[in-house]
Protein backbone atom coordinates (compact mmCIF):
# COMPACT_ATOMS: atom_id res chain seq x y z
CA MET A 1 -23.48 -2.70 0.57
CA ALA A 2 -19.98 -1.19 0.04
CA ALA A 3 -19.49 2.02 -1.87
CA ARG A 4 -17.34 1.80 -5.02
CA ILE A 5 -14.55 4.35 -5.29
CA SER A 6 -12.77 4.85 -8.59
CA LEU A 7 -9.24 5.94 -8.98
CA CYS A 8 -7.25 6.69 -12.07
CA PRO A 9 -5.92 3.65 -13.96
CA GLU A 10 -2.45 4.42 -13.01
CA LEU A 11 -3.19 4.07 -9.28
CA CYS A 12 -5.29 0.95 -9.83
CA GLY A 13 -2.52 -0.66 -11.81
CA LEU A 14 -0.25 -0.20 -8.84
CA ILE A 15 -2.52 -1.38 -6.15
CA GLY A 16 -3.49 -4.54 -8.03
CA PRO A 17 -6.92 -6.12 -7.52
CA PRO A 18 -9.73 -4.04 -6.01
CA GLN A 19 -9.09 -3.05 -2.42
CA THR A 20 -12.25 -3.63 -0.26
CA THR A 21 -13.27 -2.47 3.22
CA ASP A 22 -16.53 -2.92 4.95
CA ARG A 23 -17.82 0.44 3.44
CA PHE A 24 -16.26 0.72 0.02
CA THR A 25 -14.17 -0.86 -2.79
CA VAL A 26 -11.41 0.97 -4.69
CA THR A 27 -11.37 0.01 -8.34
CA GLY A 28 -10.51 1.47 -11.75
CA LYS A 29 -14.07 0.93 -12.96
CA ASN A 30 -17.54 2.56 -12.55
CA PRO A 31 -16.58 6.18 -11.56
CA GLY A 32 -18.32 7.78 -8.69
CA LEU A 33 -19.10 7.19 -5.08
CA GLN A 34 -22.15 4.98 -4.66
CA GLY A 35 -22.99 3.58 -1.28
CA VAL A 36 -25.08 3.78 1.82
CA GLY A 37 -24.38 4.92 5.40
CA ASP A 38 -23.40 8.12 7.04
CA PRO A 39 -22.03 10.34 4.22
CA LEU A 40 -19.59 12.03 6.55
CA GLU A 41 -18.15 8.77 7.89
CA THR A 42 -18.02 7.33 4.28
CA ARG A 43 -16.26 10.47 3.11
CA ALA A 44 -13.73 10.37 6.01
CA GLU A 45 -13.00 6.66 5.37
CA PHE A 46 -12.64 7.38 1.57
CA LEU A 47 -10.23 10.26 2.39
CA TRP A 48 -8.16 8.09 4.71
CA MET A 49 -8.07 5.17 2.19
CA ALA A 50 -7.22 7.44 -0.72
CA THR A 51 -4.50 9.20 1.32
CA ALA A 52 -3.08 5.94 2.53
CA LEU A 53 -2.96 4.41 -1.01
CA SER A 54 -1.50 7.50 -2.59
CA ASP A 55 0.89 7.89 0.29
CA ASP A 56 2.13 4.24 -0.11
CA ILE A 57 2.52 4.66 -3.87
CA ASP A 58 4.35 7.97 -3.46
CA VAL A 59 6.81 6.53 -0.90
CA LEU A 60 7.38 3.44 -3.12
CA ALA A 61 7.85 5.72 -6.14
CA LYS A 62 10.33 7.77 -4.16
CA ALA A 63 12.27 4.61 -3.18
CA LYS A 64 12.38 3.51 -6.87
CA ARG A 65 13.77 6.88 -7.89
CA ALA A 66 16.37 6.64 -5.08
CA ILE A 67 17.80 3.33 -6.40
CA GLY A 68 17.68 4.51 -10.07
CA GLY A 69 14.28 3.41 -11.41
CA ALA A 70 12.63 0.04 -12.23
CA TYR A 71 14.41 -3.22 -12.94
CA VAL A 72 14.86 -4.23 -16.56
CA SER A 73 15.54 -7.89 -16.91
CA THR A 74 17.54 -9.35 -19.84
CA GLU A 75 15.99 -11.87 -22.26
CA ASN A 76 17.98 -14.90 -20.92
CA GLU A 77 18.01 -13.99 -17.22
CA PRO A 78 16.62 -16.63 -14.90
CA TYR A 79 13.83 -15.68 -12.57
CA MET A 80 15.01 -14.29 -9.20
CA SER A 81 18.66 -14.13 -10.35
CA GLU A 82 21.21 -12.61 -8.04
CA ALA A 83 20.71 -9.22 -9.91
CA GLN A 84 16.94 -9.29 -9.33
CA GLN A 85 17.33 -10.21 -5.77
CA ASP A 86 19.85 -7.39 -5.25
CA TYR A 87 17.50 -4.92 -6.91
CA PHE A 88 14.50 -5.92 -4.66
CA ARG A 89 16.73 -5.84 -1.66
CA LYS A 90 17.82 -2.24 -2.39
CA LEU A 91 14.20 -1.32 -3.26
CA LEU A 92 12.87 -2.63 0.04
CA HIS A 93 15.65 -0.97 2.07
CA ALA A 94 14.94 2.40 0.30
CA TRP A 95 11.19 1.99 0.80
CA LYS A 96 11.67 1.32 4.45
CA ARG A 97 14.00 4.30 4.72
CA SER A 98 11.44 6.60 3.04
CA ILE A 99 8.71 5.48 5.44
CA LEU A 100 10.89 6.03 8.46
CA GLU A 101 11.81 9.56 7.21
CA ALA A 102 8.11 10.34 6.70
CA ALA A 103 7.30 9.10 10.10
CA ALA A 104 10.06 11.20 11.66
CA GLY A 105 8.67 14.23 9.89
CA THR A 106 5.18 13.46 11.40
CA LEU A 107 6.63 13.04 14.83
CA GLN A 108 8.46 16.39 14.61
CA GLN A 109 5.27 18.12 13.60
CA LEU A 110 3.45 16.58 16.50
CA GLN A 111 6.21 17.68 18.86
CA ASP A 112 6.17 21.27 17.50
CA GLY A 113 2.95 21.97 19.39
CA PRO A 114 -0.74 21.29 19.63
CA ILE A 115 -3.35 22.47 17.15
CA ARG A 116 -4.16 26.07 17.93
CA GLU A 117 -6.95 26.98 15.55
CA PRO A 118 -9.23 29.69 16.95
CA ASP A 119 -12.20 28.63 14.86
CA LEU A 120 -13.88 25.44 15.92
CA ASN A 121 -14.49 24.28 12.31
CA ASP A 122 -10.80 24.91 11.50
CA ARG A 123 -9.76 22.97 14.58
CA ALA A 124 -12.04 20.17 13.73
CA SER A 125 -10.68 20.07 10.08
CA SER A 126 -7.06 20.12 11.48
CA GLU A 127 -7.89 17.26 13.92
CA THR A 128 -9.40 15.24 11.11
CA ASP A 129 -6.27 15.84 8.98
CA TRP A 130 -4.10 14.71 11.87
CA GLY A 131 -6.27 11.65 12.40
CA ILE A 132 -5.85 10.70 8.72
CA GLU A 133 -2.06 11.34 9.03
CA LEU A 134 -1.68 9.16 12.15
CA ARG A 135 -3.74 6.33 10.67
CA THR A 136 -1.54 6.47 7.58
CA ARG A 137 1.61 6.28 9.79
CA ASP A 138 0.13 3.35 11.62
CA ARG A 139 -0.61 1.58 8.37
CA GLN A 140 3.04 2.23 7.33
CA ARG A 141 4.29 0.87 10.69
CA LYS A 142 2.56 -2.40 9.76
CA LEU A 143 4.05 -2.09 6.25
CA ILE A 144 7.62 -2.03 7.77
CA ALA A 145 7.01 -5.46 9.29
CA LYS A 146 5.98 -6.76 5.88
CA ILE A 147 9.13 -5.16 4.32
CA ASP A 148 11.29 -6.89 6.93
CA SER A 149 9.57 -10.09 6.16
CA ALA A 150 10.31 -9.74 2.46
CA LEU A 151 13.94 -8.95 3.22
CA ARG A 152 14.06 -12.22 5.29
CA ARG A 153 12.58 -14.12 2.41
CA ILE A 154 15.31 -12.73 0.10
CA GLU A 155 18.02 -13.95 2.38
CA GLU A 156 16.36 -17.38 2.66
CA GLY A 157 15.93 -17.64 -1.11
CA GLU A 158 12.02 -17.71 -0.87
CA TYR A 159 11.41 -14.26 -2.31
CA GLY A 160 9.43 -13.92 -5.51
CA TYR A 161 7.62 -17.28 -5.07
CA CYS A 162 3.99 -17.73 -4.00
CA GLU A 163 3.66 -18.95 -0.41
CA VAL A 164 0.57 -20.92 -1.51
CA THR A 165 1.39 -22.50 -4.89
CA GLY A 166 5.19 -22.13 -4.97
CA GLU A 167 4.98 -20.53 -8.46
CA PRO A 168 6.86 -17.45 -9.45
CA ILE A 169 4.86 -14.29 -8.48
CA GLY A 170 6.25 -12.41 -11.47
CA LEU A 171 8.51 -9.30 -11.74
CA GLY A 172 5.64 -7.04 -12.82
CA ARG A 173 3.62 -7.76 -9.62
CA LEU A 174 6.73 -7.53 -7.43
CA GLU A 175 7.65 -4.21 -9.06
CA ALA A 176 4.17 -2.90 -8.15
CA ARG A 177 3.98 -4.57 -4.73
CA PRO A 178 7.47 -5.66 -3.59
CA ILE A 179 6.01 -7.26 -0.42
CA ALA A 180 3.66 -9.54 -2.35
CA THR A 181 3.62 -13.14 -1.09
CA MET A 182 1.14 -14.69 -3.54
CA THR A 183 0.44 -14.69 -7.23
CA VAL A 184 -2.49 -12.62 -8.38
CA GLU A 185 -4.57 -15.75 -8.83
CA ALA A 186 -3.72 -17.05 -5.31
CA GLN A 187 -4.43 -13.69 -3.77
CA GLU A 188 -7.84 -13.42 -5.55
CA ALA A 189 -8.75 -16.96 -4.33
CA HIS A 190 -7.59 -16.04 -0.74
CA GLU A 191 -9.75 -12.88 -0.83
CA ARG A 192 -12.79 -14.79 -2.08
CA ARG A 193 -12.51 -17.34 0.71
CA GLU A 194 -12.08 -14.54 3.18
CA LYS A 195 -15.14 -12.80 1.95
CA ILE A 196 -17.20 -15.99 1.99
CA SER A 197 -16.10 -16.74 5.67
CA ARG A 198 -16.93 -13.14 6.63
CA ASP A 199 -20.37 -13.31 5.02
CA ASP A 200 -21.16 -16.51 7.00
């Protein structure tokens, strides 16, 4: 049984459908941590997931601020117009730049020296923090590949359309998750199929 982790509605609105791992689900419903398993392992996984999600959201928000905020379409503007493509191209480049800057900061901190905490508990805490930080950076490294793929789709004229159904993904979803490749419905169907195959 996976534990359910609740985040504030603002975070859940940005991450889209519930995010699930083997141990917990992040949703905007049912507050509290309910689950089974080693509480320390579950807590560490939760901290990592919460840190990763908030870090992704923070970096994306920073990128949006860097390019002047969210895109506001006009009433008669066609979907994925040149202006929309230009906005998402700038957003993706700014997001990638923000991720690379954060990674450079982490690398610099690692090069500054090893953890020198005299107390074993403090050292363990610092090592856990570094482990979470490095996992977050690894997640963001993978995110850069998805950003590059989205930039390629913009150049090829495929950006903004579902890779499964060919329907428009929608500006709201792309604003929240610029690397989205499927509509919400197609993504949910994909996750259900994935869950069923995992359960078999």
